[in-house]
Amino acid sequence: MVDQELARNLERYERSFKEAETHIDYWLATPVIEFTEDLDRLMKEKKVSRAELARRIGSSRAYITKLLGGGANFTLHTMVKLAMALDGAVHIHIADKRAITRWKDKPPRKERLAAKKKARKARQEPAAEGGE
């Protein structure tokens, strides 16, 4: 009896899940979460507070807080405006809905060369100190 009830519940759950996939809100959730997580990460990397970001885009700190919480309905225009305020850019990608997409940001060539030079110098300095 318990097994039959469990099977019915699983079947109902599967139907509900398939039904949810037919609605746009289901597909909006992931890009919104990804965008707000990226925005939050970039703010931390650039050491920009919510108040400062709000100032840069001519908005309020409360709006930035609402946006980062996923509670704001923002447009592509707003997304680009926020990214630009952090010296960033928005990239859009469309894939099969079952695909898993992984992004890998690659710094500009100049920054990569500077980082390699710094790493090389750091490796050489301890050896130079030990040899004196």
N, C-alpha and C. Protein backbone atom coordinates (compact mmCIF):
# COMPACT_ATOMS: atom_id res chain seq x y z
N MET A 1 0.82 -1.20 0.00
CA MET A 1 0.00 0.00 0.00
C MET A 1 0.87 1.26 0.00
N VAL A 2 1.91 1.26 0.82
CA VAL A 2 2.81 2.41 0.89
C VAL A 2 3.54 2.58 -0.44
N ASP A 3 3.95 1.46 -1.06
CA ASP A 3 4.64 1.51 -2.34
C ASP A 3 3.74 2.10 -3.43
N GLN A 4 2.45 1.73 -3.42
CA GLN A 4 1.51 2.27 -4.42
C GLN A 4 1.32 3.77 -4.22
N GLU A 5 1.21 4.18 -2.98
CA GLU A 5 1.03 5.61 -2.69
C GLU A 5 2.27 6.39 -3.11
N LEU A 6 3.44 5.84 -2.84
CA LEU A 6 4.69 6.47 -3.24
C LEU A 6 4.77 6.59 -4.76
N ALA A 7 4.38 5.54 -5.46
CA ALA A 7 4.39 5.55 -6.93
C ALA A 7 3.43 6.61 -7.47
N ARG A 8 2.25 6.73 -6.88
CA ARG A 8 1.28 7.75 -7.31
C ARG A 8 1.83 9.16 -7.06
N ASN A 9 2.44 9.35 -5.90
CA ASN A 9 3.01 10.66 -5.58
C ASN A 9 4.14 11.02 -6.55
N LEU A 10 4.98 10.06 -6.88
CA LEU A 10 6.06 10.30 -7.84
C LEU A 10 5.51 10.63 -9.22
N GLU A 11 4.46 9.95 -9.60
CA GLU A 11 3.83 10.21 -10.89
C GLU A 11 3.23 11.62 -10.93
N ARG A 12 2.55 12.01 -9.84
CA ARG A 12 1.99 13.36 -9.75
C ARG A 12 3.09 14.41 -9.80
N TYR A 13 4.19 14.14 -9.09
CA TYR A 13 5.33 15.07 -9.07
C TYR A 13 5.90 15.22 -10.49
N GLU A 14 6.06 14.13 -11.20
CA GLU A 14 6.60 14.17 -12.56
C GLU A 14 5.69 14.97 -13.48
N ARG A 15 4.38 14.78 -13.37
CA ARG A 15 3.43 15.54 -14.19
C ARG A 15 3.51 17.03 -13.86
N SER A 16 3.59 17.35 -12.57
CA SER A 16 3.68 18.76 -12.16
C SER A 16 4.95 19.41 -12.71
N PHE A 17 6.04 18.68 -12.66
CA PHE A 17 7.31 19.19 -13.15
C PHE A 17 7.24 19.45 -14.65
N LYS A 18 6.67 18.51 -15.40
CA LYS A 18 6.54 18.68 -16.85
C LYS A 18 5.62 19.86 -17.18
N GLU A 19 4.59 20.04 -16.38
CA GLU A 19 3.68 21.18 -16.57
C GLU A 19 4.42 22.49 -16.31
N ALA A 20 5.21 22.53 -15.26
CA ALA A 20 5.96 23.75 -14.93
C ALA A 20 6.90 24.14 -16.06
N GLU A 21 7.50 23.16 -16.71
CA GLU A 21 8.44 23.43 -17.82
C GLU A 21 7.77 24.10 -19.01
N THR A 22 6.45 24.07 -19.07
CA THR A 22 5.75 24.69 -20.19
C THR A 22 5.50 26.18 -19.96
N HIS A 23 5.80 26.69 -18.77
CA HIS A 23 5.55 28.09 -18.43
C HIS A 23 6.83 28.91 -18.50
N ILE A 24 6.70 30.14 -18.95
CA ILE A 24 7.87 31.02 -19.12
C ILE A 24 8.56 31.33 -17.79
N ASP A 25 7.81 31.45 -16.71
CA ASP A 25 8.42 31.76 -15.41
C ASP A 25 9.45 30.71 -15.00
N TYR A 26 9.20 29.48 -15.36
CA TYR A 26 10.16 28.40 -15.06
C TYR A 26 11.49 28.69 -15.73
N TRP A 27 11.46 29.13 -16.99
CA TRP A 27 12.67 29.37 -17.77
C TRP A 27 13.29 30.72 -17.48
N LEU A 28 12.56 31.64 -16.86
CA LEU A 28 13.12 32.94 -16.49
C LEU A 28 13.96 32.86 -15.22
N ALA A 29 13.66 31.93 -14.37
CA ALA A 29 14.32 31.87 -13.06
C ALA A 29 15.84 31.69 -13.18
N THR A 30 16.30 30.77 -13.99
CA THR A 30 17.74 30.50 -14.08
C THR A 30 18.53 31.69 -14.60
N PRO A 31 18.15 32.32 -15.73
CA PRO A 31 18.93 33.47 -16.18
C PRO A 31 18.94 34.62 -15.18
N VAL A 32 17.83 34.83 -14.48
CA VAL A 32 17.78 35.89 -13.47
C VAL A 32 18.76 35.58 -12.34
N ILE A 33 18.76 34.36 -11.87
CA ILE A 33 19.68 33.96 -10.79
C ILE A 33 21.12 34.08 -11.26
N GLU A 34 21.41 33.59 -12.46
CA GLU A 34 22.78 33.67 -12.97
C GLU A 34 23.24 35.11 -13.12
N PHE A 35 22.36 35.98 -13.63
CA PHE A 35 22.74 37.38 -13.79
C PHE A 35 23.01 38.04 -12.44
N THR A 36 22.12 37.84 -11.49
CA THR A 36 22.30 38.49 -10.20
C THR A 36 23.52 37.93 -9.46
N GLU A 37 23.81 36.65 -9.62
CA GLU A 37 25.02 36.08 -9.01
C GLU A 37 26.27 36.67 -9.65
N ASP A 38 26.26 36.82 -10.98
CA ASP A 38 27.40 37.43 -11.67
C ASP A 38 27.56 38.89 -11.26
N LEU A 39 26.46 39.59 -11.14
CA LEU A 39 26.51 41.00 -10.73
C LEU A 39 27.10 41.11 -9.33
N ASP A 40 26.64 40.28 -8.42
CA ASP A 40 27.15 40.28 -7.05
C ASP A 40 28.64 39.95 -7.02
N ARG A 41 29.06 38.96 -7.80
CA ARG A 41 30.48 38.58 -7.86
C ARG A 41 31.33 39.74 -8.38
N LEU A 42 30.86 40.39 -9.45
CA LEU A 42 31.61 41.50 -10.03
C LEU A 42 31.68 42.68 -9.06
N MET A 43 30.60 42.92 -8.34
CA MET A 43 30.62 43.99 -7.33
C MET A 43 31.68 43.71 -6.27
N LYS A 44 31.77 42.46 -5.83
CA LYS A 44 32.78 42.10 -4.82
C LYS A 44 34.19 42.24 -5.39
N GLU A 45 34.39 41.76 -6.63
CA GLU A 45 35.71 41.86 -7.25
C GLU A 45 36.14 43.31 -7.40
N LYS A 46 35.22 44.18 -7.76
CA LYS A 46 35.52 45.60 -7.99
C LYS A 46 35.39 46.43 -6.71
N LYS A 47 34.98 45.76 -5.62
CA LYS A 47 34.77 46.44 -4.33
C LYS A 47 33.79 47.62 -4.45
N VAL A 48 32.66 47.32 -5.10
CA VAL A 48 31.61 48.33 -5.30
C VAL A 48 30.42 47.96 -4.42
N SER A 49 30.01 48.87 -3.57
CA SER A 49 28.87 48.63 -2.68
C SER A 49 27.56 48.80 -3.44
N ARG A 50 26.50 48.38 -2.81
CA ARG A 50 25.17 48.55 -3.40
C ARG A 50 24.85 50.03 -3.57
N ALA A 51 25.22 50.81 -2.57
CA ALA A 51 24.97 52.26 -2.64
C ALA A 51 25.75 52.88 -3.79
N GLU A 52 26.99 52.46 -3.97
CA GLU A 52 27.81 53.01 -5.05
C GLU A 52 27.28 52.59 -6.41
N LEU A 53 26.86 51.34 -6.55
CA LEU A 53 26.29 50.88 -7.82
C LEU A 53 25.02 51.66 -8.12
N ALA A 54 24.20 51.87 -7.11
CA ALA A 54 22.97 52.65 -7.29
C ALA A 54 23.30 54.06 -7.77
N ARG A 55 24.30 54.67 -7.15
CA ARG A 55 24.72 56.01 -7.56
C ARG A 55 25.16 56.03 -9.02
N ARG A 56 25.92 55.01 -9.41
CA ARG A 56 26.45 54.94 -10.78
C ARG A 56 25.36 54.82 -11.84
N ILE A 57 24.25 54.17 -11.49
CA ILE A 57 23.18 54.00 -12.48
C ILE A 57 22.01 54.97 -12.24
N GLY A 58 22.15 55.83 -11.24
CA GLY A 58 21.08 56.79 -10.96
C GLY A 58 19.85 56.16 -10.36
N SER A 59 20.07 55.23 -9.44
CA SER A 59 18.96 54.52 -8.81
C SER A 59 19.14 54.57 -7.29
N SER A 60 18.34 53.77 -6.59
CA SER A 60 18.45 53.73 -5.13
C SER A 60 19.11 52.43 -4.68
N ARG A 61 19.67 52.46 -3.48
CA ARG A 61 20.27 51.26 -2.89
C ARG A 61 19.19 50.18 -2.72
N ALA A 62 17.98 50.61 -2.37
CA ALA A 62 16.87 49.66 -2.19
C ALA A 62 16.59 48.90 -3.50
N TYR A 63 16.67 49.60 -4.63
CA TYR A 63 16.43 48.95 -5.92
C TYR A 63 17.51 47.90 -6.18
N ILE A 64 18.76 48.23 -5.88
CA ILE A 64 19.87 47.28 -6.09
C ILE A 64 19.67 46.06 -5.19
N THR A 65 19.27 46.29 -3.96
CA THR A 65 19.00 45.19 -3.02
C THR A 65 17.87 44.30 -3.56
N LYS A 66 16.81 44.92 -4.04
CA LYS A 66 15.68 44.17 -4.60
C LYS A 66 16.13 43.37 -5.82
N LEU A 67 16.92 44.00 -6.67
CA LEU A 67 17.41 43.34 -7.87
C LEU A 67 18.29 42.15 -7.53
N LEU A 68 19.22 42.31 -6.60
CA LEU A 68 20.12 41.22 -6.21
C LEU A 68 19.37 40.08 -5.53
N GLY A 69 18.23 40.38 -4.96
CA GLY A 69 17.41 39.35 -4.33
C GLY A 69 16.50 38.63 -5.34
N GLY A 70 16.57 39.04 -6.60
CA GLY A 70 15.75 38.41 -7.63
C GLY A 70 14.34 38.93 -7.67
N GLY A 71 14.06 40.01 -6.93
CA GLY A 71 12.70 40.52 -6.85
C GLY A 71 12.36 41.60 -7.85
N ALA A 72 13.31 41.96 -8.72
CA ALA A 72 13.04 43.02 -9.69
C ALA A 72 12.88 42.42 -11.08
N ASN A 73 11.97 42.98 -11.83
CA ASN A 73 11.78 42.55 -13.21
C ASN A 73 12.57 43.53 -14.07
N PHE A 74 13.78 43.14 -14.49
CA PHE A 74 14.62 44.07 -15.22
C PHE A 74 14.73 43.70 -16.69
N THR A 75 15.04 44.70 -17.49
CA THR A 75 15.14 44.52 -18.94
C THR A 75 16.59 44.32 -19.34
N LEU A 76 16.79 43.99 -20.60
CA LEU A 76 18.14 43.87 -21.13
C LEU A 76 18.85 45.22 -21.01
N HIS A 77 18.12 46.30 -21.22
CA HIS A 77 18.69 47.64 -21.08
C HIS A 77 19.25 47.84 -19.68
N THR A 78 18.50 47.45 -18.67
CA THR A 78 18.94 47.58 -17.28
C THR A 78 20.14 46.68 -17.01
N MET A 79 20.12 45.48 -17.55
CA MET A 79 21.24 44.56 -17.35
C MET A 79 22.53 45.15 -17.92
N VAL A 80 22.45 45.71 -19.11
CA VAL A 80 23.63 46.31 -19.75
C VAL A 80 24.09 47.53 -18.95
N LYS A 81 23.16 48.33 -18.49
CA LYS A 81 23.48 49.52 -17.70
C LYS A 81 24.22 49.12 -16.41
N LEU A 82 23.74 48.08 -15.74
CA LEU A 82 24.40 47.60 -14.52
C LEU A 82 25.79 47.07 -14.83
N ALA A 83 25.90 46.28 -15.89
CA ALA A 83 27.21 45.72 -16.26
C ALA A 83 28.19 46.84 -16.59
N MET A 84 27.75 47.82 -17.36
CA MET A 84 28.63 48.93 -17.74
C MET A 84 29.09 49.71 -16.51
N ALA A 85 28.22 49.83 -15.52
CA ALA A 85 28.58 50.56 -14.29
C ALA A 85 29.71 49.86 -13.54
N LEU A 86 29.91 48.58 -13.84
CA LEU A 86 30.98 47.81 -13.21
C LEU A 86 32.10 47.48 -14.20
N ASP A 87 32.11 48.20 -15.32
CA ASP A 87 33.10 47.98 -16.39
C ASP A 87 32.99 46.56 -16.92
N GLY A 88 31.76 46.08 -17.03
CA GLY A 88 31.50 44.74 -17.52
C GLY A 88 30.65 44.78 -18.77
N ALA A 89 30.31 43.61 -19.26
CA ALA A 89 29.47 43.48 -20.45
C ALA A 89 28.53 42.29 -20.25
N VAL A 90 27.39 42.35 -20.90
CA VAL A 90 26.43 41.26 -20.85
C VAL A 90 26.62 40.41 -22.10
N HIS A 91 26.70 39.11 -21.92
CA HIS A 91 26.79 38.17 -23.03
C HIS A 91 25.58 37.26 -22.98
N ILE A 92 24.95 37.05 -24.12
CA ILE A 92 23.75 36.22 -24.18
C ILE A 92 24.04 35.00 -25.04
N HIS A 93 23.53 33.88 -24.60
CA HIS A 93 23.77 32.62 -25.30
C HIS A 93 22.49 31.81 -25.29
N ILE A 94 22.14 31.25 -26.43
CA ILE A 94 20.97 30.39 -26.50
C ILE A 94 21.46 28.97 -26.81
N ALA A 95 20.96 28.03 -26.07
CA ALA A 95 21.35 26.63 -26.26
C ALA A 95 20.11 25.74 -26.13
N ASP A 96 20.28 24.48 -26.45
CA ASP A 96 19.23 23.50 -26.22
C ASP A 96 18.86 23.55 -24.74
N LYS A 97 17.59 23.46 -24.45
CA LYS A 97 17.16 23.62 -23.05
C LYS A 97 17.69 22.52 -22.13
N ARG A 98 18.15 21.43 -22.68
CA ARG A 98 18.71 20.37 -21.84
C ARG A 98 20.23 20.48 -21.70
N ALA A 99 20.84 21.43 -22.42
CA ALA A 99 22.29 21.58 -22.40
C ALA A 99 22.76 22.20 -21.09
N ILE A 100 23.97 21.90 -20.73
CA ILE A 100 24.62 22.53 -19.58
C ILE A 100 25.68 23.46 -20.17
N THR A 101 25.59 24.73 -19.85
CA THR A 101 26.52 25.72 -20.37
C THR A 101 27.47 26.15 -19.28
N ARG A 102 28.75 26.22 -19.63
CA ARG A 102 29.77 26.70 -18.69
C ARG A 102 30.51 27.84 -19.36
N TRP A 103 30.60 28.97 -18.67
CA TRP A 103 31.30 30.13 -19.19
C TRP A 103 32.69 30.17 -18.56
N LYS A 104 33.66 30.59 -19.35
CA LYS A 104 35.00 30.80 -18.81
C LYS A 104 35.47 32.16 -19.33
N ASP A 105 35.59 33.11 -18.42
CA ASP A 105 36.06 34.44 -18.80
C ASP A 105 37.57 34.40 -18.97
N LYS A 106 38.03 35.03 -20.02
CA LYS A 106 39.46 35.09 -20.30
C LYS A 106 39.85 36.57 -20.27
N PRO A 107 40.77 36.94 -19.38
CA PRO A 107 41.16 38.36 -19.30
C PRO A 107 41.77 38.83 -20.62
N PRO A 108 41.75 40.14 -20.86
CA PRO A 108 42.38 40.67 -22.06
C PRO A 108 43.86 40.28 -22.12
N ARG A 109 44.41 40.20 -23.31
CA ARG A 109 45.80 39.76 -23.53
C ARG A 109 46.79 40.53 -22.66
N LYS A 110 46.63 41.83 -22.58
CA LYS A 110 47.54 42.67 -21.79
C LYS A 110 47.57 42.24 -20.32
N GLU A 111 46.40 41.96 -19.76
CA GLU A 111 46.31 41.52 -18.37
C GLU A 111 46.91 40.13 -18.17
N ARG A 112 46.68 39.23 -19.15
CA ARG A 112 47.26 37.88 -19.06
C ARG A 112 48.78 37.95 -19.07
N LEU A 113 49.34 38.79 -19.96
CA LEU A 113 50.80 38.91 -20.04
C LEU A 113 51.38 39.50 -18.75
N ALA A 114 50.70 40.50 -18.18
CA ALA A 114 51.15 41.10 -16.93
C ALA A 114 51.11 40.08 -15.79
N ALA A 115 50.06 39.25 -15.75
CA ALA A 115 49.94 38.23 -14.70
C ALA A 115 51.04 37.18 -14.85
N LYS A 116 51.35 36.78 -16.09
CA LYS A 116 52.44 35.81 -16.31
C LYS A 116 53.77 36.39 -15.88
N LYS A 117 54.01 37.64 -16.22
CA LYS A 117 55.27 38.31 -15.85
C LYS A 117 55.40 38.39 -14.33
N LYS A 118 54.32 38.73 -13.66
CA LYS A 118 54.31 38.83 -12.20
C LYS A 118 54.58 37.45 -11.57
N ALA A 119 53.96 36.40 -12.12
CA ALA A 119 54.17 35.04 -11.59
C ALA A 119 55.61 34.60 -11.79
N ARG A 120 56.18 34.91 -12.97
CA ARG A 120 57.58 34.56 -13.25
C ARG A 120 58.51 35.25 -12.26
N LYS A 121 58.25 36.52 -12.03
CA LYS A 121 59.07 37.31 -11.11
C LYS A 121 58.96 36.76 -9.69
N ALA A 122 57.77 36.37 -9.29
CA ALA A 122 57.55 35.82 -7.94
C ALA A 122 58.31 34.50 -7.76
N ARG A 123 58.37 33.70 -8.81
CA ARG A 123 59.11 32.42 -8.73
C ARG A 123 60.62 32.66 -8.64
N GLN A 124 61.11 33.70 -9.26
CA GLN A 124 62.54 33.99 -9.31
C GLN A 124 63.03 34.65 -8.03
N GLU A 125 62.22 35.47 -7.38
CA GLU A 125 62.65 36.22 -6.19
C GLU A 125 63.08 35.33 -5.03
N PRO A 126 62.34 34.29 -4.64
CA PRO A 126 62.80 33.47 -3.52
C PRO A 126 64.15 32.81 -3.81
N ALA A 127 64.37 32.39 -5.04
CA ALA A 127 65.65 31.76 -5.39
C ALA A 127 66.78 32.77 -5.28
N ALA A 128 66.53 34.01 -5.68
CA ALA A 128 67.55 35.06 -5.60
C ALA A 128 67.89 35.37 -4.17
N GLU A 129 66.89 35.40 -3.28
CA GLU A 129 67.14 35.70 -1.88
C GLU A 129 67.95 34.58 -1.21
N GLY A 130 67.66 33.36 -1.55
CA GLY A 130 68.35 32.23 -0.93
C GLY A 130 69.79 32.12 -1.39
N GLY A 131 70.11 32.64 -2.56
CA GLY A 131 71.46 32.53 -3.11
C GLY A 131 72.39 33.59 -2.62
N GLU A 132 71.94 34.62 -1.88
CA GLU A 132 72.81 35.71 -1.43
C GLU A 132 73.59 35.36 -0.21
